[in-house]
Every structure is written in structure tokens, then in C-alpha cells.
Amino acid sequence: MAWPSPASIVRDLRSQDDGVRFKALLLLGVSEKLARIPVWSNTTPSVVTGSEVVKPEQVELRYAALGSDETQQAIVVAQYVGTFATAAVATPKSNGTGWERIAIFDCGCKYERNVLDEFVSLSQALEPSPHFELVLRASGGGTGIYTQNEAHFRLYRGEMKAVISFVSRVQSFATGTPQQPSHWEIERRWFDPALPVSLPDGRSESVAVLVESQAEAALATIDCLIPELQDRYLKRITCRPFRWNPKVFNYEPVSGPDPCKLPER
């Protein structure tokens, strides 16, 4: 979809004019159903009396080179109607006349405390530098269970391509009884695109590393509710190295020295 400048999209998303804001929401990629919310009466029973255009609660604009050249793409993210969020990626047209939206990502995000921080971020790419990857997370859960998936995307031949994906967090929590304390277990994974690794000949090489760890404990305190405090209990850390393969535009696992052991300086 053709876009005006990304800055104008952000400006219009914050407009007080319903028509201007509605058009900007559609350009971002929000469906008409979500762009308008019903207005309910104060009667009993309550009935729908009309609709109103939503007002985004948070809007962010970032620029970063997501492809193979120096061209910077624009990433516009908006949170609206509680925990719903939409992220759109746009790139300058090759003829220099405006922008083109090339990707949309949606998130219900009902399991996240900090919606935009969890939903979308940028991470430096292994190759080429200083290029970046768009990092997206989606989560689900049930009674006592939470699972989060993470995927990294790069611009490849005009489209956003997933270059690696994995389960970033699994958390299970069982409420205790007087006879048995509360018990929780977590799995955590992080993908770092440029850690130095020692080679057998003494040289060091930067590779991407998927770090995995686990924790379990019998706790009935605030530790089990806040992710940053849960991480203190992580142990059994393992690492898997990956190299960037430009021919297939993807990360590939490789065999080699243990990337958990950093080279000596």
C-alpha cells in the first residue's frame, strides 16, 4: 500500500479529527472493525447507539536498515483498545516518490504488562553491520501457563522474511497448599547476534548465539510473579552457535566450540 511519509502517519494517528485518525489507522493496517468501537447506552439493558474512532494509546516511529543495503525502513507501532497493537513496516519507493507499506504485524498482547516493549523491538544483525532485525513476540497461555514465541525478521527481496524463530519463554505456576508450597518452572531463551567465540587455533570469531536456561523453585513470594526477579533463579545455561548465511538470507546452526565460554583477553 502506498504511504505518505511515516511521520505524517504518526501525526494523523494522534489527530483529534476522527476522519483523519480513521484514515491513518487503515493505512497503518488496523481493520475497520477494530478502528471503530461501539458506543453503548447507559440504559438497562445497554444497547449500541453508535460508534467512535479509536484513539491510539501509544504510537512509536523508528527507522533502521533492515535489508542488505543502507536504505532505512520505517517501523510504525500503535497500541489501541487496551492491549491490541499493530506494527507496520514501510520502505522508500525506488523511484523516490513516497513510501510503500510492505508488512503488517498484529498482536492481541493480552498476556503482556508492557505491550509495545514485548511486542516489537530492534536487534543489531550479525551481518552486515550496522544493520538491524525486527524482533516480534507473541504469547499465549492458560491457567498457570504462559508461552512466548520470538521471531527475527529482515527485509529480503521486498518482503519481510523470518530469519530465526524460537520459544523465548515458557512459564508454569502451580498454586500451593498448606501441605505443598507454590511451585513454578520457567524456560528462557535469548538470541544474541554477535558474541565473540574462541576457536581452537586461538582466534576469536563473532557468531550469533541462542542461550537457553531453566529454573524451578518452590516459592510463595513476589519473586514468582515478576519476570526480572524470576531470572535470578536461572541455571543450567547452554549455548547454540549460529552463523549468518547470506545465500539463503537466514541463520543456520553450526558446530564448533562452546559459545558459552568467552575467549580469554
C-alpha atoms as a PDB file:
ATOM      1  CA  MET A   1       0.000   0.000   0.000  1.00  0.00           C
ATOM      2  CA  ALA A   2       1.272   3.465  -0.879  1.00  0.00           C
ATOM      3  CA  TRP A   3       2.060   5.647   2.107  1.00  0.00           C
ATOM      4  CA  PRO A   4       2.733   9.326   2.643  1.00  0.00           C
ATOM      5  CA  SER A   5       5.695   9.959   4.926  1.00  0.00           C
ATOM      6  CA  PRO A   6       5.794   7.775   8.069  1.00  0.00           C
ATOM      7  CA  ALA A   7       5.923  10.946  10.176  1.00  0.00           C
ATOM      8  CA  SER A   8       2.601  12.053   8.700  1.00  0.00           C
ATOM      9  CA  ILE A   9       1.053   8.670   9.593  1.00  0.00           C
ATOM     10  CA  VAL A  10       2.136   9.193  13.205  1.00  0.00           C
ATOM     11  CA  ARG A  11       0.836  12.765  13.194  1.00  0.00           C
ATOM     12  CA  ASP A  12      -2.558  11.664  11.857  1.00  0.00           C
ATOM     13  CA  LEU A  13      -2.825   8.797  14.344  1.00  0.00           C
ATOM     14  CA  ARG A  14      -2.657  11.445  17.075  1.00  0.00           C
ATOM     15  CA  SER A  15      -5.160  13.764  15.366  1.00  0.00           C
ATOM     16  CA  GLN A  16      -8.309  14.920  17.187  1.00  0.00           C
ATOM     17  CA  ASP A  17     -10.221  14.671  13.904  1.00  0.00           C
ATOM     18  CA  ASP A  18     -11.995  11.304  13.683  1.00  0.00           C
ATOM     19  CA  GLY A  19     -11.838  11.158   9.880  1.00  0.00           C
ATOM     20  CA  VAL A  20      -8.126  11.897   9.757  1.00  0.00           C
ATOM     21  CA  ARG A  21      -7.405   9.386  12.505  1.00  0.00           C
ATOM     22  CA  PHE A  22      -9.578   6.702  10.899  1.00  0.00           C
ATOM     23  CA  LYS A  23      -7.737   7.014   7.591  1.00  0.00           C
ATOM     24  CA  ALA A  24      -4.375   6.785   9.367  1.00  0.00           C
ATOM     25  CA  LEU A  25      -5.468   3.638  11.237  1.00  0.00           C
ATOM     26  CA  LEU A  26      -6.407   1.969   7.950  1.00  0.00           C
ATOM     27  CA  LEU A  27      -3.094   2.986   6.383  1.00  0.00           C
ATOM     28  CA  LEU A  28      -1.304   1.503   9.374  1.00  0.00           C
ATOM     29  CA  GLY A  29      -3.127  -1.782   8.789  1.00  0.00           C
ATOM     30  CA  VAL A  30      -5.790  -1.748  11.525  1.00  0.00           C
ATOM     31  CA  SER A  31      -9.022  -3.396  10.349  1.00  0.00           C
ATOM     32  CA  GLU A  32     -12.187  -1.302  10.093  1.00  0.00           C
ATOM     33  CA  LYS A  33     -13.736  -3.466  12.824  1.00  0.00           C
ATOM     34  CA  LEU A  34     -11.000  -2.516  15.288  1.00  0.00           C
ATOM     35  CA  ALA A  35     -10.621   1.076  14.067  1.00  0.00           C
ATOM     36  CA  ARG A  36     -14.185   1.822  15.197  1.00  0.00           C
ATOM     37  CA  ILE A  37     -15.518   0.742  18.571  1.00  0.00           C
ATOM     38  CA  PRO A  38     -19.210   0.620  19.567  1.00  0.00           C
ATOM     39  CA  VAL A  39     -20.722   3.240  21.857  1.00  0.00           C
ATOM     40  CA  TRP A  40     -23.136   1.756  24.411  1.00  0.00           C
ATOM     41  CA  SER A  41     -26.018   3.480  26.108  1.00  0.00           C
ATOM     42  CA  ASN A  42     -26.376   3.923  29.868  1.00  0.00           C
ATOM     43  CA  THR A  43     -29.750   2.212  29.834  1.00  0.00           C
ATOM     44  CA  THR A  44     -30.619  -1.245  31.152  1.00  0.00           C
ATOM     45  CA  PRO A  45     -30.228  -3.295  29.084  1.00  0.00           C
ATOM     46  CA  SER A  46     -27.449  -1.374  27.371  1.00  0.00           C
ATOM     47  CA  VAL A  47     -27.698  -1.044  23.596  1.00  0.00           C
ATOM     48  CA  VAL A  48     -25.329   0.143  20.891  1.00  0.00           C
ATOM     49  CA  THR A  49     -26.112   3.736  19.987  1.00  0.00           C
ATOM     50  CA  GLY A  50     -23.292   4.377  17.524  1.00  0.00           C
ATOM     51  CA  SER A  51     -19.539   4.065  17.108  1.00  0.00           C
ATOM     52  CA  GLU A  52     -16.391   6.140  17.536  1.00  0.00           C
ATOM     53  CA  VAL A  53     -12.921   6.029  16.048  1.00  0.00           C
ATOM     54  CA  VAL A  54     -10.348   4.649  18.473  1.00  0.00           C
ATOM     55  CA  LYS A  55      -7.581   6.851  19.814  1.00  0.00           C
ATOM     56  CA  PRO A  56      -4.191   5.096  19.972  1.00  0.00           C
ATOM     57  CA  GLU A  57      -2.800   4.994  23.493  1.00  0.00           C
ATOM     58  CA  GLN A  58       0.828   4.742  22.343  1.00  0.00           C
ATOM     59  CA  VAL A  59       2.454   5.453  18.990  1.00  0.00           C
ATOM     60  CA  GLU A  60       6.107   4.852  18.085  1.00  0.00           C
ATOM     61  CA  LEU A  61       8.160   5.541  14.964  1.00  0.00           C
ATOM     62  CA  ARG A  62      11.610   4.100  14.333  1.00  0.00           C
ATOM     63  CA  TYR A  63      13.945   3.991  11.355  1.00  0.00           C
ATOM     64  CA  ALA A  64      16.505   1.233  10.773  1.00  0.00           C
ATOM     65  CA  ALA A  65      18.208  -0.575   7.890  1.00  0.00           C
ATOM     66  CA  LEU A  66      16.507  -3.978   7.819  1.00  0.00           C
ATOM     67  CA  GLY A  67      17.806  -5.181   4.447  1.00  0.00           C
ATOM     68  CA  SER A  68      21.157  -5.685   2.738  1.00  0.00           C
ATOM     69  CA  ASP A  69      21.868  -2.070   1.734  1.00  0.00           C
ATOM     70  CA  GLU A  70      21.949   1.219   3.620  1.00  0.00           C
ATOM     71  CA  THR A  71      18.291   2.119   2.980  1.00  0.00           C
ATOM     72  CA  GLN A  72      16.429   2.685   6.225  1.00  0.00           C
ATOM     73  CA  GLN A  73      12.923   1.315   6.638  1.00  0.00           C
ATOM     74  CA  ALA A  74      10.278   2.875   8.880  1.00  0.00           C
ATOM     75  CA  ILE A  75       8.524   0.922  11.644  1.00  0.00           C
ATOM     76  CA  VAL A  76       5.309   2.463  12.999  1.00  0.00           C
ATOM     77  CA  VAL A  77       3.703   0.800  16.024  1.00  0.00           C
ATOM     78  CA  ALA A  78       0.442   1.719  17.747  1.00  0.00           C
ATOM     79  CA  GLN A  79      -1.336   0.345  20.809  1.00  0.00           C
ATOM     80  CA  TYR A  80      -5.098   0.799  20.970  1.00  0.00           C
ATOM     81  CA  VAL A  81      -8.290  -0.609  22.522  1.00  0.00           C
ATOM     82  CA  GLY A  82      -6.459  -1.837  25.593  1.00  0.00           C
ATOM     83  CA  THR A  83      -3.829  -4.416  24.631  1.00  0.00           C
ATOM     84  CA  PHE A  84      -4.266  -4.559  20.844  1.00  0.00           C
ATOM     85  CA  ALA A  85      -1.243  -3.400  18.835  1.00  0.00           C
ATOM     86  CA  THR A  86      -0.293  -3.163  15.183  1.00  0.00           C
ATOM     87  CA  ALA A  87       3.178  -2.731  13.701  1.00  0.00           C
ATOM     88  CA  ALA A  88       3.690  -1.730  10.074  1.00  0.00           C
ATOM     89  CA  VAL A  89       6.919  -1.675   8.079  1.00  0.00           C
ATOM     90  CA  ALA A  90       7.335   0.731   5.160  1.00  0.00           C
ATOM     91  CA  THR A  91      10.241   1.303   2.782  1.00  0.00           C
ATOM     92  CA  PRO A  92      11.021   4.205   0.429  1.00  0.00           C
ATOM     93  CA  LYS A  93       9.883   3.629  -3.143  1.00  0.00           C
ATOM     94  CA  SER A  94      12.715   3.007  -5.572  1.00  0.00           C
ATOM     95  CA  ASN A  95      11.677   5.988  -7.731  1.00  0.00           C
ATOM     96  CA  GLY A  96      11.952   8.305  -4.732  1.00  0.00           C
ATOM     97  CA  THR A  97       8.270   9.269  -4.703  1.00  0.00           C
ATOM     98  CA  GLY A  98       6.916   8.377  -1.293  1.00  0.00           C
ATOM     99  CA  TRP A  99       6.806   5.188   0.732  1.00  0.00           C
ATOM    100  CA  GLU A 100       5.274   1.733   0.440  1.00  0.00           C
ATOM    101  CA  ARG A 101       3.915  -0.353   3.303  1.00  0.00           C
ATOM    102  CA  ILE A 102       5.325  -3.869   2.905  1.00  0.00           C
ATOM    103  CA  ALA A 103       4.305  -5.675   6.097  1.00  0.00           C
ATOM    104  CA  ILE A 104       1.751  -5.650   8.918  1.00  0.00           C
ATOM    105  CA  PHE A 105       2.002  -7.483  12.234  1.00  0.00           C
ATOM    106  CA  ASP A 106      -0.854  -7.651  14.770  1.00  0.00           C
ATOM    107  CA  CYS A 107      -0.835  -8.579  18.443  1.00  0.00           C
ATOM    108  CA  GLY A 108      -3.652  -9.194  20.919  1.00  0.00           C
ATOM    109  CA  CYS A 109      -0.991  -8.903  23.663  1.00  0.00           C
ATOM    110  CA  LYS A 110      -3.446  -9.664  26.477  1.00  0.00           C
ATOM    111  CA  TYR A 111      -0.785 -11.537  28.428  1.00  0.00           C
ATOM    112  CA  GLU A 112       1.754  -8.688  28.408  1.00  0.00           C
ATOM    113  CA  ARG A 113       2.189  -5.988  31.038  1.00  0.00           C
ATOM    114  CA  ASN A 114       4.227  -3.696  28.754  1.00  0.00           C
ATOM    115  CA  VAL A 115       2.585  -4.206  25.392  1.00  0.00           C
ATOM    116  CA  LEU A 116       4.848  -2.348  22.968  1.00  0.00           C
ATOM    117  CA  ASP A 117       8.066  -3.315  24.759  1.00  0.00           C
ATOM    118  CA  GLU A 118       7.212  -7.004  24.480  1.00  0.00           C
ATOM    119  CA  PHE A 119       5.568  -6.928  21.052  1.00  0.00           C
ATOM    120  CA  VAL A 120       8.199  -5.251  18.884  1.00  0.00           C
ATOM    121  CA  SER A 121      11.832  -4.178  19.187  1.00  0.00           C
ATOM    122  CA  LEU A 122      15.032  -3.935  17.146  1.00  0.00           C
ATOM    123  CA  SER A 123      18.181  -6.014  17.479  1.00  0.00           C
ATOM    124  CA  GLN A 124      21.503  -5.493  15.733  1.00  0.00           C
ATOM    125  CA  ALA A 125      22.075  -8.001  12.939  1.00  0.00           C
ATOM    126  CA  LEU A 126      25.197 -10.164  12.738  1.00  0.00           C
ATOM    127  CA  GLU A 127      25.806  -9.224   9.081  1.00  0.00           C
ATOM    128  CA  PRO A 128      26.069  -6.719   7.618  1.00  0.00           C
ATOM    129  CA  SER A 129      26.773  -4.206  10.365  1.00  0.00           C
ATOM    130  CA  PRO A 130      25.289  -1.767  11.353  1.00  0.00           C
ATOM    131  CA  HIS A 131      22.031  -3.315  10.145  1.00  0.00           C
ATOM    132  CA  PHE A 132      19.125  -4.442  12.286  1.00  0.00           C
ATOM    133  CA  GLU A 133      16.479  -7.121  12.687  1.00  0.00           C
ATOM    134  CA  LEU A 134      12.857  -6.516  13.580  1.00  0.00           C
ATOM    135  CA  VAL A 135      12.096  -8.611  16.663  1.00  0.00           C
ATOM    136  CA  LEU A 136       8.469  -9.628  17.225  1.00  0.00           C
ATOM    137  CA  ARG A 137       6.981 -11.589  20.110  1.00  0.00           C
ATOM    138  CA  ALA A 138       3.615 -13.274  20.501  1.00  0.00           C
ATOM    139  CA  SER A 139       2.316 -15.059  23.570  1.00  0.00           C
ATOM    140  CA  GLY A 140      -0.443 -17.336  24.739  1.00  0.00           C
ATOM    141  CA  GLY A 141      -1.428 -19.135  27.872  1.00  0.00           C
ATOM    142  CA  GLY A 142      -3.978 -20.702  30.125  1.00  0.00           C
ATOM    143  CA  THR A 143      -4.395 -21.493  33.785  1.00  0.00           C
ATOM    144  CA  GLY A 144      -0.926 -21.198  35.265  1.00  0.00           C
ATOM    145  CA  ILE A 145       0.833 -21.435  31.875  1.00  0.00           C
ATOM    146  CA  TYR A 146       2.448 -18.717  29.769  1.00  0.00           C
ATOM    147  CA  THR A 147       4.341 -19.202  26.498  1.00  0.00           C
ATOM    148  CA  GLN A 148       6.079 -16.541  24.420  1.00  0.00           C
ATOM    149  CA  ASN A 149       7.469 -17.007  20.910  1.00  0.00           C
ATOM    150  CA  GLU A 150      10.063 -14.728  19.311  1.00  0.00           C
ATOM    151  CA  ALA A 151      10.869 -14.216  15.633  1.00  0.00           C
ATOM    152  CA  HIS A 152      13.511 -12.037  13.946  1.00  0.00           C
ATOM    153  CA  PHE A 153      12.725 -10.512  10.539  1.00  0.00           C
ATOM    154  CA  ARG A 154      14.877  -8.933   7.814  1.00  0.00           C
ATOM    155  CA  LEU A 155      13.951  -7.299   4.513  1.00  0.00           C
ATOM    156  CA  TYR A 156      14.656  -9.723   1.644  1.00  0.00           C
ATOM    157  CA  ARG A 157      13.674  -9.064  -1.980  1.00  0.00           C
ATOM    158  CA  GLY A 158      10.981  -6.611  -0.974  1.00  0.00           C
ATOM    159  CA  GLU A 159       9.384  -8.708   1.751  1.00  0.00           C
ATOM    160  CA  MET A 160       9.950  -9.208   5.464  1.00  0.00           C
ATOM    161  CA  LYS A 161      11.419 -12.680   5.977  1.00  0.00           C
ATOM    162  CA  ALA A 162      11.757 -14.537   9.275  1.00  0.00           C
ATOM    163  CA  VAL A 163      15.453 -15.371   9.696  1.00  0.00           C
ATOM    164  CA  ILE A 164      15.149 -17.211  13.023  1.00  0.00           C
ATOM    165  CA  SER A 165      12.352 -18.075  15.452  1.00  0.00           C
ATOM    166  CA  PHE A 166      12.203 -19.864  18.794  1.00  0.00           C
ATOM    167  CA  VAL A 167      10.259 -20.155  22.054  1.00  0.00           C
ATOM    168  CA  SER A 168      11.623 -17.361  24.233  1.00  0.00           C
ATOM    169  CA  ARG A 169       9.787 -18.087  27.496  1.00  0.00           C
ATOM    170  CA  VAL A 170       7.714 -20.896  28.981  1.00  0.00           C
ATOM    171  CA  GLN A 171       6.344 -20.420  32.465  1.00  0.00           C
ATOM    172  CA  SER A 172       4.161 -22.723  34.532  1.00  0.00           C
ATOM    173  CA  PHE A 173       2.902 -21.940  38.006  1.00  0.00           C
ATOM    174  CA  ALA A 174       1.011 -24.167  40.429  1.00  0.00           C
ATOM    175  CA  THR A 175      -0.659 -22.552  43.430  1.00  0.00           C
ATOM    176  CA  GLY A 176       0.396 -24.181  46.668  1.00  0.00           C
ATOM    177  CA  THR A 177      -1.463 -25.626  49.608  1.00  0.00           C
ATOM    178  CA  PRO A 178      -0.613 -25.688  53.330  1.00  0.00           C
ATOM    179  CA  GLN A 179       0.963 -29.090  52.737  1.00  0.00           C
ATOM    180  CA  GLN A 180       2.787 -28.238  49.490  1.00  0.00           C
ATOM    181  CA  PRO A 181       4.233 -24.801  48.639  1.00  0.00           C
ATOM    182  CA  SER A 182       3.643 -22.985  45.377  1.00  0.00           C
ATOM    183  CA  HIS A 183       5.840 -24.295  42.588  1.00  0.00           C
ATOM    184  CA  TRP A 184       6.874 -22.681  39.329  1.00  0.00           C
ATOM    185  CA  GLU A 185       9.116 -23.591  36.406  1.00  0.00           C
ATOM    186  CA  ILE A 186      10.446 -21.404  33.607  1.00  0.00           C
ATOM    187  CA  GLU A 187      12.467 -21.820  30.429  1.00  0.00           C
ATOM    188  CA  ARG A 188      14.203 -18.771  28.937  1.00  0.00           C
ATOM    189  CA  ARG A 189      15.966 -18.228  25.620  1.00  0.00           C
ATOM    190  CA  TRP A 190      17.826 -15.203  24.291  1.00  0.00           C
ATOM    191  CA  PHE A 191      19.296 -14.682  20.843  1.00  0.00           C
ATOM    192  CA  ASP A 192      22.445 -12.569  20.779  1.00  0.00           C
ATOM    193  CA  PRO A 193      23.655 -11.784  17.242  1.00  0.00           C
ATOM    194  CA  ALA A 194      27.312 -11.029  17.939  1.00  0.00           C
ATOM    195  CA  LEU A 195      29.101 -12.815  20.766  1.00  0.00           C
ATOM    196  CA  PRO A 196      32.864 -13.472  20.462  1.00  0.00           C
ATOM    197  CA  VAL A 197      33.711 -17.184  20.435  1.00  0.00           C
ATOM    198  CA  SER A 198      37.128 -18.781  20.956  1.00  0.00           C
ATOM    199  CA  LEU A 199      38.348 -21.004  18.113  1.00  0.00           C
ATOM    200  CA  PRO A 200      40.718 -23.961  18.585  1.00  0.00           C
ATOM    201  CA  ASP A 201      43.575 -22.073  16.872  1.00  0.00           C
ATOM    202  CA  GLY A 202      43.300 -19.187  19.348  1.00  0.00           C
ATOM    203  CA  ARG A 203      41.407 -16.829  17.057  1.00  0.00           C
ATOM    204  CA  SER A 204      38.033 -15.406  18.010  1.00  0.00           C
ATOM    205  CA  GLU A 205      35.012 -15.127  15.741  1.00  0.00           C
ATOM    206  CA  SER A 206      31.689 -13.359  16.238  1.00  0.00           C
ATOM    207  CA  VAL A 207      28.713 -15.658  15.856  1.00  0.00           C
ATOM    208  CA  ALA A 208      25.063 -15.468  16.802  1.00  0.00           C
ATOM    209  CA  VAL A 209      24.236 -17.448  19.932  1.00  0.00           C
ATOM    210  CA  LEU A 210      20.972 -18.856  21.227  1.00  0.00           C
ATOM    211  CA  VAL A 211      21.293 -19.004  25.013  1.00  0.00           C
ATOM    212  CA  GLU A 212      18.975 -21.364  26.886  1.00  0.00           C
ATOM    213  CA  SER A 213      18.354 -21.666  30.611  1.00  0.00           C
ATOM    214  CA  GLN A 214      15.873 -23.133  33.080  1.00  0.00           C
ATOM    215  CA  ALA A 215      14.704 -22.520  36.616  1.00  0.00           C
ATOM    216  CA  GLU A 216      12.352 -24.107  39.082  1.00  0.00           C
ATOM    217  CA  ALA A 217      11.552 -23.271  42.668  1.00  0.00           C
ATOM    218  CA  ALA A 218       9.005 -23.647  45.410  1.00  0.00           C
ATOM    219  CA  LEU A 219       8.133 -20.072  46.228  1.00  0.00           C
ATOM    220  CA  ALA A 220       5.167 -18.143  47.549  1.00  0.00           C
ATOM    221  CA  THR A 221       6.621 -14.652  47.204  1.00  0.00           C
ATOM    222  CA  ILE A 222       6.659 -11.841  44.667  1.00  0.00           C
ATOM    223  CA  ASP A 223       9.685 -13.476  43.016  1.00  0.00           C
ATOM    224  CA  CYS A 224       7.455 -15.824  41.032  1.00  0.00           C
ATOM    225  CA  LEU A 225       5.330 -13.023  39.555  1.00  0.00           C
ATOM    226  CA  ILE A 226       7.907 -10.561  38.189  1.00  0.00           C
ATOM    227  CA  PRO A 227       9.958 -11.844  35.204  1.00  0.00           C
ATOM    228  CA  GLU A 228      13.042  -9.825  36.118  1.00  0.00           C
ATOM    229  CA  LEU A 229      13.087 -11.444  39.559  1.00  0.00           C
ATOM    230  CA  GLN A 230      12.424 -14.927  38.176  1.00  0.00           C
ATOM    231  CA  ASP A 231      15.585 -14.704  36.083  1.00  0.00           C
ATOM    232  CA  ARG A 232      17.693 -14.705  39.246  1.00  0.00           C
ATOM    233  CA  TYR A 233      16.955 -18.405  39.647  1.00  0.00           C
ATOM    234  CA  LEU A 234      18.003 -19.465  36.156  1.00  0.00           C
ATOM    235  CA  LYS A 235      20.685 -22.133  35.872  1.00  0.00           C
ATOM    236  CA  ARG A 236      21.852 -24.933  33.584  1.00  0.00           C
ATOM    237  CA  ILE A 237      22.830 -22.463  30.870  1.00  0.00           C
ATOM    238  CA  THR A 238      23.582 -23.875  27.416  1.00  0.00           C
ATOM    239  CA  CYS A 239      24.513 -22.112  24.168  1.00  0.00           C
ATOM    240  CA  ARG A 240      23.981 -22.927  20.486  1.00  0.00           C
ATOM    241  CA  PRO A 241      26.040 -21.064  17.850  1.00  0.00           C
ATOM    242  CA  PHE A 242      24.591 -19.790  14.558  1.00  0.00           C
ATOM    243  CA  ARG A 243      26.227 -18.246  11.509  1.00  0.00           C
ATOM    244  CA  TRP A 244      24.621 -15.912   9.023  1.00  0.00           C
ATOM    245  CA  ASN A 245      24.244 -17.442   5.543  1.00  0.00           C
ATOM    246  CA  PRO A 246      23.771 -14.595   3.023  1.00  0.00           C
ATOM    247  CA  LYS A 247      22.965 -17.029   0.189  1.00  0.00           C
ATOM    248  CA  VAL A 248      19.736 -18.172   1.840  1.00  0.00           C
ATOM    249  CA  PHE A 249      19.390 -14.996   3.941  1.00  0.00           C
ATOM    250  CA  ASN A 250      18.991 -16.907   7.165  1.00  0.00           C
ATOM    251  CA  TYR A 251      20.717 -18.029  10.351  1.00  0.00           C
ATOM    252  CA  GLU A 252      22.000 -21.606  10.358  1.00  0.00           C
ATOM    253  CA  PRO A 253      23.188 -23.664  13.347  1.00  0.00           C
ATOM    254  CA  VAL A 254      26.843 -24.646  13.237  1.00  0.00           C
ATOM    255  CA  SER A 255      29.089 -26.984  15.173  1.00  0.00           C
ATOM    256  CA  GLY A 256      32.064 -25.531  16.931  1.00  0.00           C
ATOM    257  CA  PRO A 257      33.479 -24.533  20.298  1.00  0.00           C
ATOM    258  CA  ASP A 258      31.188 -23.882  23.234  1.00  0.00           C
ATOM    259  CA  PRO A 259      30.000 -20.288  22.764  1.00  0.00           C
ATOM    260  CA  CYS A 260      29.127 -20.124  26.466  1.00  0.00           C
ATOM    261  CA  LYS A 261      32.860 -19.844  27.124  1.00  0.00           C
ATOM    262  CA  LEU A 262      34.069 -16.396  26.116  1.00  0.00           C
ATOM    263  CA  PRO A 263      37.583 -16.002  24.669  1.00  0.00           C
ATOM    264  CA  GLU A 264      40.353 -15.042  27.057  1.00  0.00           C
ATOM    265  CA  ARG A 265      41.603 -11.484  26.711  1.00  0.00           C
END
